[in-house]
Amino acid sequence: MLFMMRFTIVLSMLLVFGAKSADAIPSFQVEILPWEQVKGIIPNHSYFTIIDVDSGLSFKVQRRAGSKHADVQPVTEKDTKIMKAIYEGKWSWDRRAILVLVHDQLIAASMNGMPHGAGALQNNFPGHFCVHFYGSTTHKTPTPDLAHKVMILKAGGDLDNFLYRLDPYEIISVLEIAINQQDERLLSQIMTGNNRKALASVKHFQITQRSILPVEDLPALVAMNIEFKVKWIRSDHSQGEKNVVFYLHRDSLENQWKIDGPTFIDEIH
């Protein structure tokens, strides 16, 4: 993860500054800053650069609106083309870990890739898209979107610490995000076994009914079973729905909970 972060930042700085070598790149430190602070750093109509963590691609945007998060637009048609390449040529609501470069700051953030609403720039982008920072929310929910939060922490290099603190219920919620976004790296952090097989088997996964047992009343310390009602869409577009038993375990009280991959794959076949 640290290698990927350094590689991405170096590659992106080369793109942004046109530097010929790593020695010519300024030193930046990634910050995880709260939305209440960030919205003053990038006020409406300000410009900044978005760097995609996984691909290293970067493009310029302008913040046009947004009170609970930033509503932004690519500046030019070229920027739109780069953004679409990040999403492999198809617009998507999937969240992606990004870095926002503004002035001399690199700020951890998350974006979705779906044009919606109004747009004002001549950029071949039909609307705007959303950029979230730590603590920001969607327009319809009072609490931060978990998928955006996970991507922000991934961009900021703090995802491992976050996952370490999660209880079994929360780990299963992250599983939902990892599968729906086909994020193999994230899945490998919360599930044992053949993660590629899990992603190849399921394209969409939704928990429709959750356990109501309070976390403090969970009986097991290092291994447990949790049953949730779920529905899913397989890679062949067939659908399934049933009560799925998740087996979770950890090596000791000091380790992170993980979902057992082989039993999960058996459950959804």
C-alpha atoms as a PDB file:
ATOM      1  CA  MET A   1       0.000   0.000   0.000  1.00  0.00           C
ATOM      2  CA  LEU A   2       2.784   2.428   0.921  1.00  0.00           C
ATOM      3  CA  PHE A   3       4.681   1.553  -2.265  1.00  0.00           C
ATOM      4  CA  MET A   4       1.552   2.127  -4.349  1.00  0.00           C
ATOM      5  CA  MET A   5       0.954   5.477  -2.626  1.00  0.00           C
ATOM      6  CA  ARG A   6       4.525   6.680  -3.255  1.00  0.00           C
ATOM      7  CA  PHE A   7       4.449   5.468  -6.867  1.00  0.00           C
ATOM      8  CA  THR A   8       1.127   7.154  -7.524  1.00  0.00           C
ATOM      9  CA  ILE A   9       2.191  10.470  -6.023  1.00  0.00           C
ATOM     10  CA  VAL A  10       5.484  10.497  -7.936  1.00  0.00           C
ATOM     11  CA  LEU A  11       3.815   9.610 -11.223  1.00  0.00           C
ATOM     12  CA  SER A  12       1.071  12.165 -10.711  1.00  0.00           C
ATOM     13  CA  MET A  13       3.454  14.951  -9.771  1.00  0.00           C
ATOM     14  CA  LEU A  14       5.348  14.261 -12.971  1.00  0.00           C
ATOM     15  CA  LEU A  15       2.108  14.680 -14.884  1.00  0.00           C
ATOM     16  CA  VAL A  16       1.089  17.830 -13.056  1.00  0.00           C
ATOM     17  CA  PHE A  17       4.417  19.624 -12.957  1.00  0.00           C
ATOM     18  CA  GLY A  18       6.017  18.186 -16.079  1.00  0.00           C
ATOM     19  CA  ALA A  19       9.078  17.260 -14.073  1.00  0.00           C
ATOM     20  CA  LYS A  20      11.775  15.231 -15.840  1.00  0.00           C
ATOM     21  CA  SER A  21      12.947  13.353 -12.773  1.00  0.00           C
ATOM     22  CA  ALA A  22      11.819  12.504  -9.265  1.00  0.00           C
ATOM     23  CA  ASP A  23      14.467  14.914  -7.927  1.00  0.00           C
ATOM     24  CA  ALA A  24      12.554  17.808  -9.483  1.00  0.00           C
ATOM     25  CA  ILE A  25       9.285  16.961  -7.729  1.00  0.00           C
ATOM     26  CA  PRO A  26       8.239  19.044  -4.701  1.00  0.00           C
ATOM     27  CA  SER A  27       7.688  17.186  -1.434  1.00  0.00           C
ATOM     28  CA  PHE A  28       4.022  16.691  -0.541  1.00  0.00           C
ATOM     29  CA  GLN A  29       2.402  14.967   2.427  1.00  0.00           C
ATOM     30  CA  VAL A  30      -1.069  13.472   2.077  1.00  0.00           C
ATOM     31  CA  GLU A  31      -3.548  14.885   4.593  1.00  0.00           C
ATOM     32  CA  ILE A  32      -6.927  13.575   5.717  1.00  0.00           C
ATOM     33  CA  LEU A  33      -8.799  16.793   6.389  1.00  0.00           C
ATOM     34  CA  PRO A  34     -12.440  17.279   7.486  1.00  0.00           C
ATOM     35  CA  TRP A  35     -14.913  18.653   4.982  1.00  0.00           C
ATOM     36  CA  GLU A  36     -15.590  21.684   7.175  1.00  0.00           C
ATOM     37  CA  GLN A  37     -11.965  22.699   6.652  1.00  0.00           C
ATOM     38  CA  VAL A  38     -11.620  21.613   3.032  1.00  0.00           C
ATOM     39  CA  LYS A  39     -14.616  23.597   1.775  1.00  0.00           C
ATOM     40  CA  GLY A  40     -12.694  26.750   2.679  1.00  0.00           C
ATOM     41  CA  ILE A  41      -9.596  25.522   0.843  1.00  0.00           C
ATOM     42  CA  ILE A  42     -11.565  24.827  -2.364  1.00  0.00           C
ATOM     43  CA  PRO A  43     -14.366  27.441  -2.415  1.00  0.00           C
ATOM     44  CA  ASN A  44     -16.950  27.498  -5.195  1.00  0.00           C
ATOM     45  CA  HIS A  45     -15.446  28.243  -8.640  1.00  0.00           C
ATOM     46  CA  SER A  46     -11.943  27.287  -7.515  1.00  0.00           C
ATOM     47  CA  TYR A  47      -9.792  24.915  -9.579  1.00  0.00           C
ATOM     48  CA  PHE A  48      -7.814  21.905  -8.424  1.00  0.00           C
ATOM     49  CA  THR A  49      -6.303  18.655  -9.715  1.00  0.00           C
ATOM     50  CA  ILE A  50      -7.659  15.181  -9.026  1.00  0.00           C
ATOM     51  CA  ILE A  51      -5.172  12.279  -8.948  1.00  0.00           C
ATOM     52  CA  ASP A  52      -6.590   8.757  -9.101  1.00  0.00           C
ATOM     53  CA  VAL A  53      -4.725   6.615  -6.569  1.00  0.00           C
ATOM     54  CA  ASP A  54      -4.954   3.283  -8.394  1.00  0.00           C
ATOM     55  CA  SER A  55      -4.108   4.408 -11.931  1.00  0.00           C
ATOM     56  CA  GLY A  56      -1.979   7.511 -11.274  1.00  0.00           C
ATOM     57  CA  LEU A  57      -3.964   9.453 -13.907  1.00  0.00           C
ATOM     58  CA  SER A  58      -4.763  13.095 -13.157  1.00  0.00           C
ATOM     59  CA  PHE A  59      -7.139  15.730 -14.495  1.00  0.00           C
ATOM     60  CA  LYS A  60      -8.259  19.243 -13.619  1.00  0.00           C
ATOM     61  CA  VAL A  61     -11.670  20.181 -12.239  1.00  0.00           C
ATOM     62  CA  GLN A  62     -13.600  23.180 -10.992  1.00  0.00           C
ATOM     63  CA  ARG A  63     -15.838  23.149  -7.956  1.00  0.00           C
ATOM     64  CA  ARG A  64     -19.184  24.550  -9.013  1.00  0.00           C
ATOM     65  CA  ALA A  65     -21.447  23.954  -5.987  1.00  0.00           C
ATOM     66  CA  GLY A  66     -22.224  21.617  -3.110  1.00  0.00           C
ATOM     67  CA  SER A  67     -22.684  22.226   0.604  1.00  0.00           C
ATOM     68  CA  LYS A  68     -22.413  18.690   2.021  1.00  0.00           C
ATOM     69  CA  HIS A  69     -19.650  17.717  -0.404  1.00  0.00           C
ATOM     70  CA  ALA A  70     -18.048  19.247  -3.503  1.00  0.00           C
ATOM     71  CA  ASP A  71     -19.952  19.182  -6.811  1.00  0.00           C
ATOM     72  CA  VAL A  72     -17.275  19.492  -9.480  1.00  0.00           C
ATOM     73  CA  GLN A  73     -16.823  19.353 -13.255  1.00  0.00           C
ATOM     74  CA  PRO A  74     -13.849  18.515 -15.474  1.00  0.00           C
ATOM     75  CA  VAL A  75     -12.432  21.744 -16.872  1.00  0.00           C
ATOM     76  CA  THR A  76     -11.941  20.712 -20.514  1.00  0.00           C
ATOM     77  CA  GLU A  77     -12.887  17.911 -22.902  1.00  0.00           C
ATOM     78  CA  LYS A  78      -9.400  16.497 -22.400  1.00  0.00           C
ATOM     79  CA  ASP A  79      -9.996  16.324 -18.637  1.00  0.00           C
ATOM     80  CA  THR A  80     -13.308  14.556 -19.249  1.00  0.00           C
ATOM     81  CA  LYS A  81     -11.558  12.022 -21.488  1.00  0.00           C
ATOM     82  CA  ILE A  82      -8.975  11.278 -18.788  1.00  0.00           C
ATOM     83  CA  MET A  83     -11.678  10.874 -16.137  1.00  0.00           C
ATOM     84  CA  LYS A  84     -13.591   8.447 -18.344  1.00  0.00           C
ATOM     85  CA  ALA A  85     -10.399   6.453 -18.928  1.00  0.00           C
ATOM     86  CA  ILE A  86     -10.052   6.113 -15.139  1.00  0.00           C
ATOM     87  CA  TYR A  87     -13.479   4.460 -15.181  1.00  0.00           C
ATOM     88  CA  GLU A  88     -12.439   2.218 -18.080  1.00  0.00           C
ATOM     89  CA  GLY A  89     -14.594   4.038 -20.604  1.00  0.00           C
ATOM     90  CA  LYS A  90     -17.933   3.793 -18.746  1.00  0.00           C
ATOM     91  CA  TRP A  91     -19.480   6.250 -16.313  1.00  0.00           C
ATOM     92  CA  SER A  92     -20.141   4.668 -12.928  1.00  0.00           C
ATOM     93  CA  TRP A  93     -21.346   5.442  -9.409  1.00  0.00           C
ATOM     94  CA  ASP A  94     -18.377   3.457  -8.065  1.00  0.00           C
ATOM     95  CA  ARG A  95     -16.265   5.318  -5.555  1.00  0.00           C
ATOM     96  CA  ARG A  96     -12.546   5.724  -6.191  1.00  0.00           C
ATOM     97  CA  ALA A  97      -9.748   6.791  -3.892  1.00  0.00           C
ATOM     98  CA  ILE A  98      -8.271  10.089  -5.088  1.00  0.00           C
ATOM     99  CA  LEU A  99      -5.870  12.797  -4.020  1.00  0.00           C
ATOM    100  CA  VAL A 100      -6.848  16.441  -4.419  1.00  0.00           C
ATOM    101  CA  LEU A 101      -3.911  18.655  -5.297  1.00  0.00           C
ATOM    102  CA  VAL A 102      -4.613  22.291  -4.484  1.00  0.00           C
ATOM    103  CA  HIS A 103      -1.843  24.866  -4.062  1.00  0.00           C
ATOM    104  CA  ASP A 104       0.771  23.033  -1.964  1.00  0.00           C
ATOM    105  CA  GLN A 105      -1.569  20.500  -0.375  1.00  0.00           C
ATOM    106  CA  LEU A 106      -2.484  16.890  -1.175  1.00  0.00           C
ATOM    107  CA  ILE A 107      -5.804  15.997   0.433  1.00  0.00           C
ATOM    108  CA  ALA A 108      -7.295  12.492   0.626  1.00  0.00           C
ATOM    109  CA  ALA A 109     -10.713  12.264  -1.005  1.00  0.00           C
ATOM    110  CA  SER A 110     -13.166  10.032  -2.879  1.00  0.00           C
ATOM    111  CA  MET A 111     -15.093  10.563  -6.089  1.00  0.00           C
ATOM    112  CA  ASN A 112     -17.863   8.869  -7.994  1.00  0.00           C
ATOM    113  CA  GLY A 113     -17.826   8.710 -11.781  1.00  0.00           C
ATOM    114  CA  MET A 114     -21.402   9.410 -12.835  1.00  0.00           C
ATOM    115  CA  PRO A 115     -22.429  12.676 -14.535  1.00  0.00           C
ATOM    116  CA  HIS A 116     -25.653  13.971 -13.000  1.00  0.00           C
ATOM    117  CA  GLY A 117     -27.458  17.231 -12.422  1.00  0.00           C
ATOM    118  CA  ALA A 118     -26.479  20.422 -14.163  1.00  0.00           C
ATOM    119  CA  GLY A 119     -23.223  21.383 -15.838  1.00  0.00           C
ATOM    120  CA  ALA A 120     -21.943  24.771 -16.966  1.00  0.00           C
ATOM    121  CA  LEU A 121     -18.572  24.161 -18.638  1.00  0.00           C
ATOM    122  CA  GLN A 122     -17.843  23.325 -22.268  1.00  0.00           C
ATOM    123  CA  ASN A 123     -16.226  20.001 -21.442  1.00  0.00           C
ATOM    124  CA  ASN A 124     -18.332  17.239 -23.038  1.00  0.00           C
ATOM    125  CA  PHE A 125     -19.379  16.178 -19.522  1.00  0.00           C
ATOM    126  CA  PRO A 126     -23.182  16.089 -19.085  1.00  0.00           C
ATOM    127  CA  GLY A 127     -23.498  17.468 -15.554  1.00  0.00           C
ATOM    128  CA  HIS A 128     -21.267  17.305 -12.511  1.00  0.00           C
ATOM    129  CA  PHE A 129     -19.893  14.597 -10.219  1.00  0.00           C
ATOM    130  CA  CYS A 130     -19.276  14.409  -6.471  1.00  0.00           C
ATOM    131  CA  VAL A 131     -16.041  14.617  -4.511  1.00  0.00           C
ATOM    132  CA  HIS A 132     -16.193  13.651  -0.838  1.00  0.00           C
ATOM    133  CA  PHE A 133     -13.790  14.450   1.971  1.00  0.00           C
ATOM    134  CA  TYR A 134     -13.618  13.132   5.515  1.00  0.00           C
ATOM    135  CA  GLY A 135     -16.927  13.784   7.266  1.00  0.00           C
ATOM    136  CA  SER A 136     -18.844  14.939   4.190  1.00  0.00           C
ATOM    137  CA  THR A 137     -22.225  13.393   3.380  1.00  0.00           C
ATOM    138  CA  THR A 138     -24.491  12.834   0.417  1.00  0.00           C
ATOM    139  CA  HIS A 139     -27.409  15.183  -0.161  1.00  0.00           C
ATOM    140  CA  LYS A 140     -29.914  12.631   1.154  1.00  0.00           C
ATOM    141  CA  THR A 141     -28.177  11.089   4.174  1.00  0.00           C
ATOM    142  CA  PRO A 142     -27.176  12.661   7.514  1.00  0.00           C
ATOM    143  CA  THR A 143     -24.101  10.452   7.989  1.00  0.00           C
ATOM    144  CA  PRO A 144     -21.045   9.890   5.759  1.00  0.00           C
ATOM    145  CA  ASP A 145     -21.348   7.297   3.007  1.00  0.00           C
ATOM    146  CA  LEU A 146     -19.294   4.270   4.090  1.00  0.00           C
ATOM    147  CA  ALA A 147     -17.963   3.558   0.594  1.00  0.00           C
ATOM    148  CA  HIS A 148     -16.690   7.134   0.251  1.00  0.00           C
ATOM    149  CA  LYS A 149     -15.172   6.946   3.752  1.00  0.00           C
ATOM    150  CA  VAL A 150     -13.309   3.747   2.881  1.00  0.00           C
ATOM    151  CA  MET A 151     -11.899   5.326  -0.283  1.00  0.00           C
ATOM    152  CA  ILE A 152     -10.850   8.488   1.586  1.00  0.00           C
ATOM    153  CA  LEU A 153      -8.956   6.407   4.141  1.00  0.00           C
ATOM    154  CA  LYS A 154      -7.406   4.351   1.337  1.00  0.00           C
ATOM    155  CA  ALA A 155      -6.169   7.552  -0.314  1.00  0.00           C
ATOM    156  CA  GLY A 156      -4.853   8.813   3.013  1.00  0.00           C
ATOM    157  CA  GLY A 157      -3.006   5.587   3.847  1.00  0.00           C
ATOM    158  CA  ASP A 158      -5.104   4.929   6.970  1.00  0.00           C
ATOM    159  CA  LEU A 159      -7.376   2.136   5.720  1.00  0.00           C
ATOM    160  CA  ASP A 160      -5.544  -0.658   7.571  1.00  0.00           C
ATOM    161  CA  ASN A 161      -6.058   1.081  10.914  1.00  0.00           C
ATOM    162  CA  PHE A 162      -9.734   1.612  10.132  1.00  0.00           C
ATOM    163  CA  LEU A 163     -10.342  -2.026   9.183  1.00  0.00           C
ATOM    164  CA  TYR A 164      -8.494  -3.216  12.281  1.00  0.00           C
ATOM    165  CA  ARG A 165     -11.054  -1.467  14.513  1.00  0.00           C
ATOM    166  CA  LEU A 166     -14.181  -2.773  12.777  1.00  0.00           C
ATOM    167  CA  ASP A 167     -16.520  -5.267  14.404  1.00  0.00           C
ATOM    168  CA  PRO A 168     -17.825  -8.310  12.440  1.00  0.00           C
ATOM    169  CA  TYR A 169     -20.993  -6.508  11.297  1.00  0.00           C
ATOM    170  CA  GLU A 170     -18.958  -3.613   9.916  1.00  0.00           C
ATOM    171  CA  ILE A 171     -16.530  -5.957   8.138  1.00  0.00           C
ATOM    172  CA  ILE A 172     -19.486  -7.493   6.288  1.00  0.00           C
ATOM    173  CA  SER A 173     -20.604  -3.989   5.247  1.00  0.00           C
ATOM    174  CA  VAL A 174     -17.145  -3.422   3.764  1.00  0.00           C
ATOM    175  CA  LEU A 175     -17.501  -6.747   1.937  1.00  0.00           C
ATOM    176  CA  GLU A 176     -20.597  -5.328   0.256  1.00  0.00           C
ATOM    177  CA  ILE A 177     -18.563  -2.332  -0.934  1.00  0.00           C
ATOM    178  CA  ALA A 178     -15.611  -4.425  -2.134  1.00  0.00           C
ATOM    179  CA  ILE A 179     -17.785  -6.733  -4.229  1.00  0.00           C
ATOM    180  CA  ASN A 180     -19.965  -4.015  -5.736  1.00  0.00           C
ATOM    181  CA  GLN A 181     -16.926  -2.005  -6.741  1.00  0.00           C
ATOM    182  CA  GLN A 182     -14.978  -5.105  -7.808  1.00  0.00           C
ATOM    183  CA  ASP A 183     -12.114  -3.921  -5.597  1.00  0.00           C
ATOM    184  CA  GLU A 184      -9.761  -6.875  -5.318  1.00  0.00           C
ATOM    185  CA  ARG A 185      -7.296  -5.070  -3.078  1.00  0.00           C
ATOM    186  CA  LEU A 186      -9.982  -4.101  -0.570  1.00  0.00           C
ATOM    187  CA  LEU A 187     -11.474  -7.592  -0.634  1.00  0.00           C
ATOM    188  CA  SER A 188      -8.081  -9.120   0.135  1.00  0.00           C
ATOM    189  CA  GLN A 189      -7.890  -6.973   3.262  1.00  0.00           C
ATOM    190  CA  ILE A 190     -11.111  -8.357   4.735  1.00  0.00           C
ATOM    191  CA  MET A 191     -11.425 -11.892   3.313  1.00  0.00           C
ATOM    192  CA  THR A 192      -9.249 -14.995   3.283  1.00  0.00           C
ATOM    193  CA  GLY A 193      -8.941 -17.349   0.341  1.00  0.00           C
ATOM    194  CA  ASN A 194      -9.294 -16.810  -3.406  1.00  0.00           C
ATOM    195  CA  ASN A 195     -10.582 -13.257  -3.681  1.00  0.00           C
ATOM    196  CA  ARG A 196     -10.473 -13.239  -7.468  1.00  0.00           C
ATOM    197  CA  LYS A 197     -12.831 -16.207  -7.512  1.00  0.00           C
ATOM    198  CA  ALA A 198     -15.279 -14.329  -5.280  1.00  0.00           C
ATOM    199  CA  LEU A 199     -15.237 -11.279  -7.558  1.00  0.00           C
ATOM    200  CA  ALA A 200     -15.543 -13.429 -10.658  1.00  0.00           C
ATOM    201  CA  SER A 201     -18.596 -15.149  -9.182  1.00  0.00           C
ATOM    202  CA  VAL A 202     -20.552 -12.128  -7.948  1.00  0.00           C
ATOM    203  CA  LYS A 203     -20.991  -8.734  -9.624  1.00  0.00           C
ATOM    204  CA  HIS A 204     -23.486  -7.153  -7.231  1.00  0.00           C
ATOM    205  CA  PHE A 205     -24.154  -7.967  -3.592  1.00  0.00           C
ATOM    206  CA  GLN A 206     -26.747  -6.470  -1.257  1.00  0.00           C
ATOM    207  CA  ILE A 207     -27.541  -7.173   2.376  1.00  0.00           C
ATOM    208  CA  THR A 208     -31.316  -6.885   2.711  1.00  0.00           C
ATOM    209  CA  GLN A 209     -31.745  -7.830   6.370  1.00  0.00           C
ATOM    210  CA  ARG A 210     -29.188  -7.522   9.130  1.00  0.00           C
ATOM    211  CA  SER A 211     -28.837  -9.047  12.579  1.00  0.00           C
ATOM    212  CA  ILE A 212     -30.041  -6.833  15.409  1.00  0.00           C
ATOM    213  CA  LEU A 213     -27.915  -8.378  18.155  1.00  0.00           C
ATOM    214  CA  PRO A 214     -25.875  -5.569  19.774  1.00  0.00           C
ATOM    215  CA  VAL A 215     -22.150  -5.755  19.104  1.00  0.00           C
ATOM    216  CA  GLU A 216     -21.355  -5.936  22.812  1.00  0.00           C
ATOM    217  CA  ASP A 217     -23.523  -9.071  23.066  1.00  0.00           C
ATOM    218  CA  LEU A 218     -21.688 -10.987  20.347  1.00  0.00           C
ATOM    219  CA  PRO A 219     -20.697 -14.237  22.052  1.00  0.00           C
ATOM    220  CA  ALA A 220     -17.474 -15.165  20.258  1.00  0.00           C
ATOM    221  CA  LEU A 221     -14.022 -13.699  20.779  1.00  0.00           C
ATOM    222  CA  VAL A 222     -11.984 -15.104  17.877  1.00  0.00           C
ATOM    223  CA  ALA A 223     -14.508 -16.913  15.644  1.00  0.00           C
ATOM    224  CA  MET A 224     -18.215 -16.611  14.954  1.00  0.00           C
ATOM    225  CA  ASN A 225     -21.031 -17.155  12.480  1.00  0.00           C
ATOM    226  CA  ILE A 226     -23.441 -14.386  11.454  1.00  0.00           C
ATOM    227  CA  GLU A 227     -26.502 -14.957   9.320  1.00  0.00           C
ATOM    228  CA  PHE A 228     -27.751 -12.143   7.064  1.00  0.00           C
ATOM    229  CA  LYS A 229     -30.392 -12.183   4.368  1.00  0.00           C
ATOM    230  CA  VAL A 230     -28.752 -11.166   1.098  1.00  0.00           C
ATOM    231  CA  LYS A 231     -29.405 -11.061  -2.618  1.00  0.00           C
ATOM    232  CA  TRP A 232     -26.827 -11.013  -5.376  1.00  0.00           C
ATOM    233  CA  ILE A 233     -26.272 -10.979  -9.104  1.00  0.00           C
ATOM    234  CA  ARG A 234     -23.816 -13.501 -10.520  1.00  0.00           C
ATOM    235  CA  SER A 235     -21.387 -12.882 -13.344  1.00  0.00           C
ATOM    236  CA  ASP A 236     -23.775 -14.698 -15.727  1.00  0.00           C
ATOM    237  CA  HIS A 237     -26.527 -12.213 -14.680  1.00  0.00           C
ATOM    238  CA  SER A 238     -28.519 -14.858 -12.804  1.00  0.00           C
ATOM    239  CA  GLN A 239     -29.740 -13.829  -9.360  1.00  0.00           C
ATOM    240  CA  GLY A 240     -29.824 -15.395  -5.937  1.00  0.00           C
ATOM    241  CA  GLU A 241     -31.440 -14.545  -2.626  1.00  0.00           C
ATOM    242  CA  LYS A 242     -31.275 -16.384   0.689  1.00  0.00           C
ATOM    243  CA  ASN A 243     -30.025 -16.294   4.247  1.00  0.00           C
ATOM    244  CA  VAL A 244     -26.231 -16.488   4.049  1.00  0.00           C
ATOM    245  CA  VAL A 245     -24.061 -17.570   6.964  1.00  0.00           C
ATOM    246  CA  PHE A 246     -20.799 -15.627   7.207  1.00  0.00           C
ATOM    247  CA  TYR A 247     -17.940 -17.264   9.090  1.00  0.00           C
ATOM    248  CA  LEU A 248     -15.562 -14.700  10.582  1.00  0.00           C
ATOM    249  CA  HIS A 249     -12.389 -15.307  12.522  1.00  0.00           C
ATOM    250  CA  ARG A 250      -9.210 -13.675  13.749  1.00  0.00           C
ATOM    251  CA  ASP A 251      -5.970 -15.143  15.027  1.00  0.00           C
ATOM    252  CA  SER A 252      -6.195 -13.433  18.409  1.00  0.00           C
ATOM    253  CA  LEU A 253      -8.002 -10.634  20.235  1.00  0.00           C
ATOM    254  CA  GLU A 254      -5.374  -8.263  18.874  1.00  0.00           C
ATOM    255  CA  ASN A 255      -5.998  -9.117  15.214  1.00  0.00           C
ATOM    256  CA  GLN A 256      -8.507  -7.882  12.664  1.00  0.00           C
ATOM    257  CA  TRP A 257     -11.681  -9.822  11.897  1.00  0.00           C
ATOM    258  CA  LYS A 258     -11.727 -11.470   8.457  1.00  0.00           C
ATOM    259  CA  ILE A 259     -14.416 -13.264   6.489  1.00  0.00           C
ATOM    260  CA  ASP A 260     -13.643 -16.843   5.489  1.00  0.00           C
ATOM    261  CA  GLY A 261     -13.615 -16.743   1.689  1.00  0.00           C
ATOM    262  CA  PRO A 262     -14.151 -20.436   0.838  1.00  0.00           C
ATOM    263  CA  THR A 263     -17.293 -20.754   2.995  1.00  0.00           C
ATOM    264  CA  PHE A 264     -18.647 -17.483   1.579  1.00  0.00           C
ATOM    265  CA  ILE A 265     -18.204 -18.720  -2.006  1.00  0.00           C
ATOM    266  CA  ASP A 266     -19.927 -21.997  -1.089  1.00  0.00           C
ATOM    267  CA  GLU A 267     -22.866 -20.070   0.378  1.00  0.00           C
ATOM    268  CA  ILE A 268     -23.557 -18.050  -2.769  1.00  0.00           C
ATOM    269  CA  HIS A 269     -23.382 -20.953  -5.209  1.00  0.00           C
END
